[in-house]
């Protein structure tokens, strides 16, 4: 079968980098492994637009102009696909649409917007979610039905990280590291590390709010800040590989904030301290892969940081447990298989309907 593959970032370049072990495959949402399961992707020609409306119109015309035959449209997000989804809801676009939904489907307090949204979701045939909690929350909206929502055990490209570890062994420098950018709670994290005096490397985007906050801690020699621009998964993975502990301190936000960092830590076999996010599918404490801390809990963070640092053997065992979790369930190979089963079933249903 063939699928029309849509991503919100440049793909051909990333695919070439993946072949050279310079890009983790899981960020491409199955693209690197679809061929193993008899699925041939047609790549959408990416273009960047500052306007979401312009992006949606560009994508719409590129999709309807595609001359190749394919069974369904597969998107890693609905961002930029709004117009084609509305056309599907209207019956004007005949191909089934399957997309990743990164947050729960919610009600809108504005009744007119909520009505439009309810109609919009009729244009999405199947949706993939990172956790059952997000699915349960989505069902409360009344806009979607359970038969259209699927839990996918999204996880890391283990082969990429194994290659990285083989060619760049961790130096064991004793540092904690965080590489997050969206909805990160640096206020809590910085207070905690300032209180412990233990070393932490922070890699994040030059967001004005982050810059102002991090600047206030310039005097602390144990806190080193690096602002990065662009998509740099290989560089960031290299820095994580050189560290001993991964910290993920997040704001209370209704989706799986920090999940990419978390599955990367699992693949690298590194212990984790993470804000207790109820949207995660896995429980790192139950799996003995790390330590949870409640939102905004500075003292909890101090205790967790000090505990990992002073219990190296237990920390190493947490890392091994995280790696076992990645190998068992949360990895690129496994989740691509889960996706392929659903996508093939969609294609069979479409063929039968004809």
C-alpha atoms as a PDB file:
ATOM      1  CA  UNK A   1       0.000   0.000   0.000  1.00  0.00           C
ATOM      2  CA  UNK A   2       0.971   3.645  -0.424  1.00  0.00           C
ATOM      3  CA  UNK A   3       0.444   6.548   1.938  1.00  0.00           C
ATOM      4  CA  UNK A   4       0.805  10.277   1.416  1.00  0.00           C
ATOM      5  CA  UNK A   5       3.209  11.264   4.206  1.00  0.00           C
ATOM      6  CA  UNK A   6       2.966  14.735   5.754  1.00  0.00           C
ATOM      7  CA  UNK A   7       5.322  16.216   8.336  1.00  0.00           C
ATOM      8  CA  UNK A   8       5.655  19.733   9.712  1.00  0.00           C
ATOM      9  CA  UNK A   9       9.417  19.879   9.112  1.00  0.00           C
ATOM     10  CA  UNK A  10      11.821  19.130   6.213  1.00  0.00           C
ATOM     11  CA  UNK A  11      11.862  15.380   5.632  1.00  0.00           C
ATOM     12  CA  UNK A  12      14.180  14.453   2.772  1.00  0.00           C
ATOM     13  CA  UNK A  13      17.164  16.054   4.508  1.00  0.00           C
ATOM     14  CA  UNK A  14      16.281  14.364   7.809  1.00  0.00           C
ATOM     15  CA  UNK A  15      15.874  11.014   6.072  1.00  0.00           C
ATOM     16  CA  UNK A  16      19.322  11.343   4.507  1.00  0.00           C
ATOM     17  CA  UNK A  17      20.793  12.197   7.902  1.00  0.00           C
ATOM     18  CA  UNK A  18      19.081   9.201   9.477  1.00  0.00           C
ATOM     19  CA  UNK A  19      20.745   6.904   6.957  1.00  0.00           C
ATOM     20  CA  UNK A  20      24.097   8.287   8.156  1.00  0.00           C
ATOM     21  CA  UNK A  21      23.180   7.867  11.847  1.00  0.00           C
ATOM     22  CA  UNK A  22      22.865  11.647  12.237  1.00  0.00           C
ATOM     23  CA  UNK A  23      19.131  11.873  12.956  1.00  0.00           C
ATOM     24  CA  UNK A  24      16.945   9.759  15.280  1.00  0.00           C
ATOM     25  CA  UNK A  25      14.259   7.964  13.313  1.00  0.00           C
ATOM     26  CA  UNK A  26      11.476   8.186  15.882  1.00  0.00           C
ATOM     27  CA  UNK A  27      10.990  11.914  15.206  1.00  0.00           C
ATOM     28  CA  UNK A  28       9.884  10.922  11.691  1.00  0.00           C
ATOM     29  CA  UNK A  29       6.923   8.929  13.055  1.00  0.00           C
ATOM     30  CA  UNK A  30       7.487   5.618  11.288  1.00  0.00           C
ATOM     31  CA  UNK A  31       8.812   6.906   7.957  1.00  0.00           C
ATOM     32  CA  UNK A  32      12.153   5.119   8.281  1.00  0.00           C
ATOM     33  CA  UNK A  33      10.544   1.725   8.925  1.00  0.00           C
ATOM     34  CA  UNK A  34       7.289   1.718   6.954  1.00  0.00           C
ATOM     35  CA  UNK A  35       8.863  -0.172   4.045  1.00  0.00           C
ATOM     36  CA  UNK A  36       9.532  -3.118   6.369  1.00  0.00           C
ATOM     37  CA  UNK A  37       5.780  -3.492   6.765  1.00  0.00           C
ATOM     38  CA  UNK A  38       4.829  -3.108   3.107  1.00  0.00           C
ATOM     39  CA  UNK A  39       3.974   0.603   3.259  1.00  0.00           C
ATOM     40  CA  UNK A  40       5.443   2.972   0.666  1.00  0.00           C
ATOM     41  CA  UNK A  41       5.393   6.662   1.618  1.00  0.00           C
ATOM     42  CA  UNK A  42       4.972   9.517  -0.857  1.00  0.00           C
ATOM     43  CA  UNK A  43       6.736  12.500   0.713  1.00  0.00           C
ATOM     44  CA  UNK A  44       4.919  15.815   0.889  1.00  0.00           C
ATOM     45  CA  UNK A  45       7.074  18.686  -0.487  1.00  0.00           C
ATOM     46  CA  UNK A  46       7.801  20.792   2.579  1.00  0.00           C
ATOM     47  CA  UNK A  47       7.728  24.582   2.531  1.00  0.00           C
ATOM     48  CA  UNK A  48       7.936  26.944   5.485  1.00  0.00           C
ATOM     49  CA  UNK A  49       5.359  29.717   5.947  1.00  0.00           C
ATOM     50  CA  UNK A  50       5.005  32.238   8.764  1.00  0.00           C
ATOM     51  CA  UNK A  51       1.231  32.199   8.285  1.00  0.00           C
ATOM     52  CA  UNK A  52      -0.680  29.060   9.259  1.00  0.00           C
ATOM     53  CA  UNK A  53      -3.396  29.963   6.760  1.00  0.00           C
ATOM     54  CA  UNK A  54      -0.884  30.221   3.905  1.00  0.00           C
ATOM     55  CA  UNK A  55       0.637  26.912   4.958  1.00  0.00           C
ATOM     56  CA  UNK A  56      -2.766  25.251   4.949  1.00  0.00           C
ATOM     57  CA  UNK A  57      -3.564  26.543   1.433  1.00  0.00           C
ATOM     58  CA  UNK A  58      -0.125  25.493   0.125  1.00  0.00           C
ATOM     59  CA  UNK A  59      -0.512  22.008   1.587  1.00  0.00           C
ATOM     60  CA  UNK A  60      -4.057  21.685   0.241  1.00  0.00           C
ATOM     61  CA  UNK A  61      -3.051  22.440  -3.356  1.00  0.00           C
ATOM     62  CA  UNK A  62       0.062  20.224  -3.172  1.00  0.00           C
ATOM     63  CA  UNK A  63      -2.005  17.318  -1.887  1.00  0.00           C
ATOM     64  CA  UNK A  64      -4.811  17.566  -4.450  1.00  0.00           C
ATOM     65  CA  UNK A  65      -2.253  17.989  -7.263  1.00  0.00           C
ATOM     66  CA  UNK A  66      -0.423  14.775  -6.360  1.00  0.00           C
ATOM     67  CA  UNK A  67      -0.521  12.536  -9.443  1.00  0.00           C
ATOM     68  CA  UNK A  68       0.622   9.367  -7.676  1.00  0.00           C
ATOM     69  CA  UNK A  69      -1.986   6.902  -6.490  1.00  0.00           C
ATOM     70  CA  UNK A  70      -2.120   6.376  -2.734  1.00  0.00           C
ATOM     71  CA  UNK A  71      -4.481   4.831  -0.210  1.00  0.00           C
ATOM     72  CA  UNK A  72      -4.616   7.430   2.552  1.00  0.00           C
ATOM     73  CA  UNK A  73      -3.163  10.639   3.932  1.00  0.00           C
ATOM     74  CA  UNK A  74      -0.961  10.189   7.015  1.00  0.00           C
ATOM     75  CA  UNK A  75       0.066  13.262   9.000  1.00  0.00           C
ATOM     76  CA  UNK A  76       2.376  13.619  11.984  1.00  0.00           C
ATOM     77  CA  UNK A  77       0.161  16.545  13.047  1.00  0.00           C
ATOM     78  CA  UNK A  78      -2.977  18.307  11.829  1.00  0.00           C
ATOM     79  CA  UNK A  79      -1.063  21.612  11.808  1.00  0.00           C
ATOM     80  CA  UNK A  80      -1.218  22.814   8.207  1.00  0.00           C
ATOM     81  CA  UNK A  81      -3.782  20.200   7.172  1.00  0.00           C
ATOM     82  CA  UNK A  82      -6.831  22.113   8.347  1.00  0.00           C
ATOM     83  CA  UNK A  83      -8.233  22.879   4.895  1.00  0.00           C
ATOM     84  CA  UNK A  84      -7.881  19.331   3.555  1.00  0.00           C
ATOM     85  CA  UNK A  85      -9.488  17.974   6.752  1.00  0.00           C
ATOM     86  CA  UNK A  86     -12.477  20.297   6.340  1.00  0.00           C
ATOM     87  CA  UNK A  87     -12.785  19.107   2.734  1.00  0.00           C
ATOM     88  CA  UNK A  88     -12.766  15.525   3.980  1.00  0.00           C
ATOM     89  CA  UNK A  89     -15.534  16.393   6.453  1.00  0.00           C
ATOM     90  CA  UNK A  90     -17.537  17.894   3.569  1.00  0.00           C
ATOM     91  CA  UNK A  91     -16.993  14.789   1.431  1.00  0.00           C
ATOM     92  CA  UNK A  92     -14.942  16.716  -1.137  1.00  0.00           C
ATOM     93  CA  UNK A  93     -11.672  14.898  -0.360  1.00  0.00           C
ATOM     94  CA  UNK A  94     -12.138  11.154  -0.754  1.00  0.00           C
ATOM     95  CA  UNK A  95      -8.960   9.767   0.779  1.00  0.00           C
ATOM     96  CA  UNK A  96      -9.042   8.629   4.438  1.00  0.00           C
ATOM     97  CA  UNK A  97      -6.998  10.785   6.811  1.00  0.00           C
ATOM     98  CA  UNK A  98      -4.965   9.501   9.764  1.00  0.00           C
ATOM     99  CA  UNK A  99      -3.086  11.938  11.978  1.00  0.00           C
ATOM    100  CA  UNK A 100      -1.156  12.138  15.236  1.00  0.00           C
ATOM    101  CA  UNK A 101      -3.019  14.185  17.834  1.00  0.00           C
ATOM    102  CA  UNK A 102      -0.477  15.500  20.333  1.00  0.00           C
ATOM    103  CA  UNK A 103      -2.983  16.763  22.893  1.00  0.00           C
ATOM    104  CA  UNK A 104      -6.448  15.707  23.949  1.00  0.00           C
ATOM    105  CA  UNK A 105      -9.453  16.768  21.896  1.00  0.00           C
ATOM    106  CA  UNK A 106     -11.229  19.366  24.041  1.00  0.00           C
ATOM    107  CA  UNK A 107     -14.422  21.382  24.177  1.00  0.00           C
ATOM    108  CA  UNK A 108     -14.278  25.053  23.246  1.00  0.00           C
ATOM    109  CA  UNK A 109     -16.077  27.467  25.593  1.00  0.00           C
ATOM    110  CA  UNK A 110     -17.261  29.430  22.560  1.00  0.00           C
ATOM    111  CA  UNK A 111     -20.332  27.502  21.269  1.00  0.00           C
ATOM    112  CA  UNK A 112     -19.816  28.547  17.635  1.00  0.00           C
ATOM    113  CA  UNK A 113     -16.139  27.544  17.654  1.00  0.00           C
ATOM    114  CA  UNK A 114     -17.052  24.295  19.388  1.00  0.00           C
ATOM    115  CA  UNK A 115     -19.625  23.525  16.687  1.00  0.00           C
ATOM    116  CA  UNK A 116     -17.047  24.196  13.952  1.00  0.00           C
ATOM    117  CA  UNK A 117     -14.521  22.012  15.778  1.00  0.00           C
ATOM    118  CA  UNK A 118     -17.064  19.200  16.117  1.00  0.00           C
ATOM    119  CA  UNK A 119     -17.594  19.259  12.345  1.00  0.00           C
ATOM    120  CA  UNK A 120     -13.822  19.506  11.730  1.00  0.00           C
ATOM    121  CA  UNK A 121     -13.132  16.259  13.559  1.00  0.00           C
ATOM    122  CA  UNK A 122     -15.509  14.434  11.229  1.00  0.00           C
ATOM    123  CA  UNK A 123     -12.776  14.916   8.611  1.00  0.00           C
ATOM    124  CA  UNK A 124     -10.213  12.808  10.506  1.00  0.00           C
ATOM    125  CA  UNK A 125     -10.775   9.081  10.084  1.00  0.00           C
ATOM    126  CA  UNK A 126      -8.249   7.804  12.634  1.00  0.00           C
ATOM    127  CA  UNK A 127      -6.105   9.496  15.298  1.00  0.00           C
ATOM    128  CA  UNK A 128      -2.995   8.338  17.133  1.00  0.00           C
ATOM    129  CA  UNK A 129      -2.241   9.325  20.733  1.00  0.00           C
ATOM    130  CA  UNK A 130       0.753   8.997  23.032  1.00  0.00           C
ATOM    131  CA  UNK A 131      -1.234   7.790  26.042  1.00  0.00           C
ATOM    132  CA  UNK A 132      -4.539   6.307  27.111  1.00  0.00           C
ATOM    133  CA  UNK A 133      -5.126   9.310  29.346  1.00  0.00           C
ATOM    134  CA  UNK A 134      -5.152  11.605  26.311  1.00  0.00           C
ATOM    135  CA  UNK A 135      -7.647   9.261  24.646  1.00  0.00           C
ATOM    136  CA  UNK A 136      -9.895   9.213  27.715  1.00  0.00           C
ATOM    137  CA  UNK A 137      -9.788  13.011  27.933  1.00  0.00           C
ATOM    138  CA  UNK A 138     -10.619  13.277  24.216  1.00  0.00           C
ATOM    139  CA  UNK A 139     -13.696  11.089  24.583  1.00  0.00           C
ATOM    140  CA  UNK A 140     -15.048  13.541  27.156  1.00  0.00           C
ATOM    141  CA  UNK A 141     -15.283  16.189  24.421  1.00  0.00           C
ATOM    142  CA  UNK A 142     -18.061  14.318  22.628  1.00  0.00           C
ATOM    143  CA  UNK A 143     -16.414  15.121  19.282  1.00  0.00           C
ATOM    144  CA  UNK A 144     -14.739  11.769  18.661  1.00  0.00           C
ATOM    145  CA  UNK A 145     -15.546   8.099  19.189  1.00  0.00           C
ATOM    146  CA  UNK A 146     -13.384   5.368  20.683  1.00  0.00           C
ATOM    147  CA  UNK A 147     -13.152   3.379  17.446  1.00  0.00           C
ATOM    148  CA  UNK A 148     -11.220   6.244  15.825  1.00  0.00           C
ATOM    149  CA  UNK A 149      -8.638   6.744  18.610  1.00  0.00           C
ATOM    150  CA  UNK A 150      -5.535   4.599  18.987  1.00  0.00           C
ATOM    151  CA  UNK A 151      -2.841   4.359  21.640  1.00  0.00           C
ATOM    152  CA  UNK A 152       0.621   4.061  20.091  1.00  0.00           C
ATOM    153  CA  UNK A 153       3.602   3.162  22.278  1.00  0.00           C
ATOM    154  CA  UNK A 154       5.810   5.876  20.821  1.00  0.00           C
ATOM    155  CA  UNK A 155       9.484   5.472  21.658  1.00  0.00           C
ATOM    156  CA  UNK A 156      13.071   6.007  20.607  1.00  0.00           C
ATOM    157  CA  UNK A 157      15.145   4.825  17.653  1.00  0.00           C
ATOM    158  CA  UNK A 158      17.309   2.444  19.657  1.00  0.00           C
ATOM    159  CA  UNK A 159      19.683   1.714  16.764  1.00  0.00           C
ATOM    160  CA  UNK A 160      20.497   5.428  16.481  1.00  0.00           C
ATOM    161  CA  UNK A 161      21.416   5.684  20.151  1.00  0.00           C
ATOM    162  CA  UNK A 162      23.380   2.438  20.145  1.00  0.00           C
ATOM    163  CA  UNK A 163      25.436   3.734  17.235  1.00  0.00           C
ATOM    164  CA  UNK A 164      25.952   7.009  19.089  1.00  0.00           C
ATOM    165  CA  UNK A 165      27.067   5.273  22.279  1.00  0.00           C
ATOM    166  CA  UNK A 166      29.397   3.003  20.336  1.00  0.00           C
ATOM    167  CA  UNK A 167      31.120   5.888  18.574  1.00  0.00           C
ATOM    168  CA  UNK A 168      30.869   8.404  21.402  1.00  0.00           C
ATOM    169  CA  UNK A 169      31.013   6.617  24.754  1.00  0.00           C
ATOM    170  CA  UNK A 170      29.631   8.568  27.704  1.00  0.00           C
ATOM    171  CA  UNK A 171      32.423  10.351  29.579  1.00  0.00           C
ATOM    172  CA  UNK A 172      30.792  10.043  32.989  1.00  0.00           C
ATOM    173  CA  UNK A 173      31.366  13.700  33.817  1.00  0.00           C
ATOM    174  CA  UNK A 174      28.821  13.642  36.616  1.00  0.00           C
ATOM    175  CA  UNK A 175      26.597  16.310  35.078  1.00  0.00           C
ATOM    176  CA  UNK A 176      22.842  16.467  35.008  1.00  0.00           C
ATOM    177  CA  UNK A 177      21.361  17.601  31.711  1.00  0.00           C
ATOM    178  CA  UNK A 178      18.084  18.935  30.369  1.00  0.00           C
ATOM    179  CA  UNK A 179      17.379  19.556  26.680  1.00  0.00           C
ATOM    180  CA  UNK A 180      13.768  20.690  26.815  1.00  0.00           C
ATOM    181  CA  UNK A 181      12.238  23.725  25.154  1.00  0.00           C
ATOM    182  CA  UNK A 182       8.420  23.707  25.353  1.00  0.00           C
ATOM    183  CA  UNK A 183       6.580  24.455  28.601  1.00  0.00           C
ATOM    184  CA  UNK A 184       9.648  23.899  30.774  1.00  0.00           C
ATOM    185  CA  UNK A 185       9.626  24.940  34.402  1.00  0.00           C
ATOM    186  CA  UNK A 186      13.071  26.502  34.650  1.00  0.00           C
ATOM    187  CA  UNK A 187      12.042  28.563  37.675  1.00  0.00           C
ATOM    188  CA  UNK A 188      11.722  25.407  39.783  1.00  0.00           C
ATOM    189  CA  UNK A 189      14.719  23.648  38.223  1.00  0.00           C
ATOM    190  CA  UNK A 190      17.094  26.574  38.696  1.00  0.00           C
ATOM    191  CA  UNK A 191      16.124  27.066  42.332  1.00  0.00           C
ATOM    192  CA  UNK A 192      16.758  23.385  42.968  1.00  0.00           C
ATOM    193  CA  UNK A 193      20.200  23.289  41.351  1.00  0.00           C
ATOM    194  CA  UNK A 194      21.183  26.581  42.946  1.00  0.00           C
ATOM    195  CA  UNK A 195      20.353  24.971  46.281  1.00  0.00           C
ATOM    196  CA  UNK A 196      22.288  21.750  45.676  1.00  0.00           C
ATOM    197  CA  UNK A 197      25.374  23.185  43.953  1.00  0.00           C
ATOM    198  CA  UNK A 198      25.507  20.123  41.688  1.00  0.00           C
ATOM    199  CA  UNK A 199      26.391  20.568  38.007  1.00  0.00           C
ATOM    200  CA  UNK A 200      23.692  20.878  35.347  1.00  0.00           C
ATOM    201  CA  UNK A 201      23.865  21.606  31.619  1.00  0.00           C
ATOM    202  CA  UNK A 202      20.789  23.335  30.210  1.00  0.00           C
ATOM    203  CA  UNK A 203      20.104  23.300  26.470  1.00  0.00           C
ATOM    204  CA  UNK A 204      17.053  25.249  25.381  1.00  0.00           C
ATOM    205  CA  UNK A 205      15.743  27.811  22.903  1.00  0.00           C
ATOM    206  CA  UNK A 206      16.422  31.554  23.250  1.00  0.00           C
ATOM    207  CA  UNK A 207      12.868  32.307  24.333  1.00  0.00           C
ATOM    208  CA  UNK A 208      12.840  35.816  25.922  1.00  0.00           C
ATOM    209  CA  UNK A 209      11.172  34.487  29.079  1.00  0.00           C
ATOM    210  CA  UNK A 210      13.742  31.710  29.400  1.00  0.00           C
ATOM    211  CA  UNK A 211      16.614  34.118  28.736  1.00  0.00           C
ATOM    212  CA  UNK A 212      15.507  36.527  31.441  1.00  0.00           C
ATOM    213  CA  UNK A 213      15.060  33.727  33.959  1.00  0.00           C
ATOM    214  CA  UNK A 214      18.326  31.954  33.192  1.00  0.00           C
ATOM    215  CA  UNK A 215      20.292  35.211  33.195  1.00  0.00           C
ATOM    216  CA  UNK A 216      19.448  35.627  36.872  1.00  0.00           C
ATOM    217  CA  UNK A 217      21.520  32.511  37.620  1.00  0.00           C
ATOM    218  CA  UNK A 218      24.673  33.462  35.719  1.00  0.00           C
ATOM    219  CA  UNK A 219      26.604  33.751  38.985  1.00  0.00           C
ATOM    220  CA  UNK A 220      26.127  30.050  39.744  1.00  0.00           C
ATOM    221  CA  UNK A 221      29.125  28.221  38.312  1.00  0.00           C
ATOM    222  CA  UNK A 222      27.354  24.834  38.554  1.00  0.00           C
ATOM    223  CA  UNK A 223      24.601  25.982  36.161  1.00  0.00           C
ATOM    224  CA  UNK A 224      25.672  26.173  32.526  1.00  0.00           C
ATOM    225  CA  UNK A 225      23.206  27.407  29.921  1.00  0.00           C
ATOM    226  CA  UNK A 226      23.345  26.854  26.155  1.00  0.00           C
ATOM    227  CA  UNK A 227      20.814  28.487  23.830  1.00  0.00           C
ATOM    228  CA  UNK A 228      20.254  26.605  20.580  1.00  0.00           C
ATOM    229  CA  UNK A 229      18.363  27.478  17.402  1.00  0.00           C
ATOM    230  CA  UNK A 230      16.862  25.054  14.894  1.00  0.00           C
ATOM    231  CA  UNK A 231      16.342  21.290  14.839  1.00  0.00           C
ATOM    232  CA  UNK A 232      19.456  19.742  16.378  1.00  0.00           C
ATOM    233  CA  UNK A 233      18.549  16.226  17.555  1.00  0.00           C
ATOM    234  CA  UNK A 234      21.995  14.714  16.880  1.00  0.00           C
ATOM    235  CA  UNK A 235      23.904  17.440  18.700  1.00  0.00           C
ATOM    236  CA  UNK A 236      21.555  17.302  21.680  1.00  0.00           C
ATOM    237  CA  UNK A 237      21.644  13.497  21.776  1.00  0.00           C
ATOM    238  CA  UNK A 238      25.444  13.687  21.826  1.00  0.00           C
ATOM    239  CA  UNK A 239      25.338  15.977  24.854  1.00  0.00           C
ATOM    240  CA  UNK A 240      22.881  13.705  26.638  1.00  0.00           C
ATOM    241  CA  UNK A 241      25.091  10.708  25.871  1.00  0.00           C
ATOM    242  CA  UNK A 242      27.992  12.467  27.610  1.00  0.00           C
ATOM    243  CA  UNK A 243      25.951  12.992  30.782  1.00  0.00           C
ATOM    244  CA  UNK A 244      24.964  10.775  33.676  1.00  0.00           C
ATOM    245  CA  UNK A 245      21.501  11.988  34.633  1.00  0.00           C
ATOM    246  CA  UNK A 246      18.562  13.455  32.693  1.00  0.00           C
ATOM    247  CA  UNK A 247      16.234  16.000  34.308  1.00  0.00           C
ATOM    248  CA  UNK A 248      12.850  16.977  32.843  1.00  0.00           C
ATOM    249  CA  UNK A 249      11.151  19.775  34.780  1.00  0.00           C
ATOM    250  CA  UNK A 250       7.873  20.830  33.170  1.00  0.00           C
ATOM    251  CA  UNK A 251       4.940  23.140  33.658  1.00  0.00           C
ATOM    252  CA  UNK A 252       1.471  21.734  34.214  1.00  0.00           C
ATOM    253  CA  UNK A 253       0.248  21.535  30.632  1.00  0.00           C
ATOM    254  CA  UNK A 254      -2.319  19.110  29.159  1.00  0.00           C
ATOM    255  CA  UNK A 255      -0.095  16.948  27.000  1.00  0.00           C
ATOM    256  CA  UNK A 256       2.975  14.719  27.216  1.00  0.00           C
ATOM    257  CA  UNK A 257       5.504  17.506  27.839  1.00  0.00           C
ATOM    258  CA  UNK A 258       9.021  16.058  27.901  1.00  0.00           C
ATOM    259  CA  UNK A 259       8.190  12.715  26.276  1.00  0.00           C
ATOM    260  CA  UNK A 260      10.895  12.983  23.581  1.00  0.00           C
ATOM    261  CA  UNK A 261      13.549  13.671  26.223  1.00  0.00           C
ATOM    262  CA  UNK A 262      12.218  10.823  28.344  1.00  0.00           C
ATOM    263  CA  UNK A 263      12.344   8.132  25.645  1.00  0.00           C
ATOM    264  CA  UNK A 264      15.812   9.342  24.638  1.00  0.00           C
ATOM    265  CA  UNK A 265      17.000   8.805  28.213  1.00  0.00           C
ATOM    266  CA  UNK A 266      15.501   5.298  28.178  1.00  0.00           C
ATOM    267  CA  UNK A 267      17.321   4.425  24.957  1.00  0.00           C
ATOM    268  CA  UNK A 268      20.639   5.701  26.340  1.00  0.00           C
ATOM    269  CA  UNK A 269      20.154   3.864  29.624  1.00  0.00           C
ATOM    270  CA  UNK A 270      20.221   7.012  31.762  1.00  0.00           C
ATOM    271  CA  UNK A 271      18.279   7.573  34.998  1.00  0.00           C
ATOM    272  CA  UNK A 272      15.643  10.308  34.971  1.00  0.00           C
ATOM    273  CA  UNK A 273      14.155  12.859  37.340  1.00  0.00           C
ATOM    274  CA  UNK A 274      10.889  14.055  35.845  1.00  0.00           C
ATOM    275  CA  UNK A 275       7.891  16.160  36.751  1.00  0.00           C
ATOM    276  CA  UNK A 276       4.970  13.856  37.501  1.00  0.00           C
ATOM    277  CA  UNK A 277       2.971  14.222  34.292  1.00  0.00           C
ATOM    278  CA  UNK A 278      -0.266  12.192  34.391  1.00  0.00           C
ATOM    279  CA  UNK A 279      -0.417  12.272  30.575  1.00  0.00           C
ATOM    280  CA  UNK A 280       2.544   9.873  30.189  1.00  0.00           C
ATOM    281  CA  UNK A 281       1.672   6.297  29.284  1.00  0.00           C
ATOM    282  CA  UNK A 282       4.561   4.848  31.293  1.00  0.00           C
ATOM    283  CA  UNK A 283       5.194   5.191  35.044  1.00  0.00           C
ATOM    284  CA  UNK A 284       8.929   5.667  35.566  1.00  0.00           C
ATOM    285  CA  UNK A 285       8.755   4.975  39.297  1.00  0.00           C
ATOM    286  CA  UNK A 286       6.760   1.785  38.819  1.00  0.00           C
ATOM    287  CA  UNK A 287       9.336   0.739  36.207  1.00  0.00           C
ATOM    288  CA  UNK A 288      12.142   1.830  38.580  1.00  0.00           C
ATOM    289  CA  UNK A 289      13.628   3.953  35.797  1.00  0.00           C
ATOM    290  CA  UNK A 290      13.663   7.267  37.622  1.00  0.00           C
ATOM    291  CA  UNK A 291      12.141   9.594  40.191  1.00  0.00           C
ATOM    292  CA  UNK A 292       8.979  11.680  39.903  1.00  0.00           C
ATOM    293  CA  UNK A 293       8.629  15.119  41.491  1.00  0.00           C
ATOM    294  CA  UNK A 294       5.362  17.035  41.759  1.00  0.00           C
ATOM    295  CA  UNK A 295       4.796  20.272  39.855  1.00  0.00           C
ATOM    296  CA  UNK A 296       6.554  23.342  41.343  1.00  0.00           C
ATOM    297  CA  UNK A 297       8.144  21.286  44.146  1.00  0.00           C
ATOM    298  CA  UNK A 298      11.594  22.841  44.625  1.00  0.00           C
ATOM    299  CA  UNK A 299      12.385  20.832  47.754  1.00  0.00           C
ATOM    300  CA  UNK A 300      11.323  17.624  46.036  1.00  0.00           C
ATOM    301  CA  UNK A 301      13.687  18.409  43.179  1.00  0.00           C
ATOM    302  CA  UNK A 302      16.560  19.101  45.573  1.00  0.00           C
ATOM    303  CA  UNK A 303      16.041  15.775  47.298  1.00  0.00           C
ATOM    304  CA  UNK A 304      15.787  13.821  44.045  1.00  0.00           C
ATOM    305  CA  UNK A 305      18.900  15.458  42.568  1.00  0.00           C
ATOM    306  CA  UNK A 306      20.930  14.780  45.700  1.00  0.00           C
ATOM    307  CA  UNK A 307      19.635  11.201  45.937  1.00  0.00           C
ATOM    308  CA  UNK A 308      20.639  10.226  42.407  1.00  0.00           C
ATOM    309  CA  UNK A 309      24.038  11.859  42.775  1.00  0.00           C
ATOM    310  CA  UNK A 310      24.814  10.096  46.049  1.00  0.00           C
ATOM    311  CA  UNK A 311      23.461   6.670  45.024  1.00  0.00           C
ATOM    312  CA  UNK A 312      25.392   5.903  41.822  1.00  0.00           C
ATOM    313  CA  UNK A 313      24.699   2.167  41.721  1.00  0.00           C
ATOM    314  CA  UNK A 314      20.968   2.678  42.175  1.00  0.00           C
ATOM    315  CA  UNK A 315      21.066   5.374  39.497  1.00  0.00           C
ATOM    316  CA  UNK A 316      22.807   2.991  37.099  1.00  0.00           C
ATOM    317  CA  UNK A 317      20.153   0.352  37.775  1.00  0.00           C
ATOM    318  CA  UNK A 318      17.438   2.903  36.996  1.00  0.00           C
ATOM    319  CA  UNK A 319      19.182   3.530  33.683  1.00  0.00           C
ATOM    320  CA  UNK A 320      19.252  -0.180  32.917  1.00  0.00           C
ATOM    321  CA  UNK A 321      15.565  -0.469  33.792  1.00  0.00           C
ATOM    322  CA  UNK A 322      14.740   2.423  31.452  1.00  0.00           C
ATOM    323  CA  UNK A 323      16.688   0.745  28.679  1.00  0.00           C
ATOM    324  CA  UNK A 324      14.755  -2.493  29.267  1.00  0.00           C
ATOM    325  CA  UNK A 325      11.520  -0.535  29.011  1.00  0.00           C
ATOM    326  CA  UNK A 326      12.643   0.932  25.691  1.00  0.00           C
ATOM    327  CA  UNK A 327      13.624  -2.467  24.319  1.00  0.00           C
ATOM    328  CA  UNK A 328      10.424  -4.119  25.511  1.00  0.00           C
ATOM    329  CA  UNK A 329       7.804  -1.603  24.489  1.00  0.00           C
ATOM    330  CA  UNK A 330       8.673   2.023  23.795  1.00  0.00           C
ATOM    331  CA  UNK A 331      10.755   1.979  20.619  1.00  0.00           C
ATOM    332  CA  UNK A 332      10.565   2.908  16.943  1.00  0.00           C
ATOM    333  CA  UNK A 333      10.301  -0.678  15.684  1.00  0.00           C
ATOM    334  CA  UNK A 334       7.393  -1.491  17.968  1.00  0.00           C
ATOM    335  CA  UNK A 335       5.375   1.650  17.361  1.00  0.00           C
ATOM    336  CA  UNK A 336       5.845   1.500  13.567  1.00  0.00           C
ATOM    337  CA  UNK A 337       4.386  -1.989  13.641  1.00  0.00           C
ATOM    338  CA  UNK A 338       1.401  -0.727  15.657  1.00  0.00           C
ATOM    339  CA  UNK A 339       0.887   2.075  13.132  1.00  0.00           C
ATOM    340  CA  UNK A 340       1.210  -0.256  10.140  1.00  0.00           C
ATOM    341  CA  UNK A 341      -1.546  -2.551  11.413  1.00  0.00           C
ATOM    342  CA  UNK A 342      -3.976   0.364  11.677  1.00  0.00           C
ATOM    343  CA  UNK A 343      -2.979   1.982   8.380  1.00  0.00           C
ATOM    344  CA  UNK A 344      -3.300  -1.283   6.474  1.00  0.00           C
ATOM    345  CA  UNK A 345      -6.706  -1.873   8.002  1.00  0.00           C
ATOM    346  CA  UNK A 346      -7.752   1.613   6.849  1.00  0.00           C
ATOM    347  CA  UNK A 347      -6.607   0.790   3.306  1.00  0.00           C
ATOM    348  CA  UNK A 348      -8.510  -2.524   3.323  1.00  0.00           C
ATOM    349  CA  UNK A 349     -11.663  -0.808   4.581  1.00  0.00           C
ATOM    350  CA  UNK A 350     -11.364   1.840   1.859  1.00  0.00           C
ATOM    351  CA  UNK A 351     -10.954  -0.833  -0.833  1.00  0.00           C
ATOM    352  CA  UNK A 352     -13.963  -2.759   0.494  1.00  0.00           C
ATOM    353  CA  UNK A 353     -16.102   0.420   0.513  1.00  0.00           C
ATOM    354  CA  UNK A 354     -15.336   0.954  -3.164  1.00  0.00           C
END
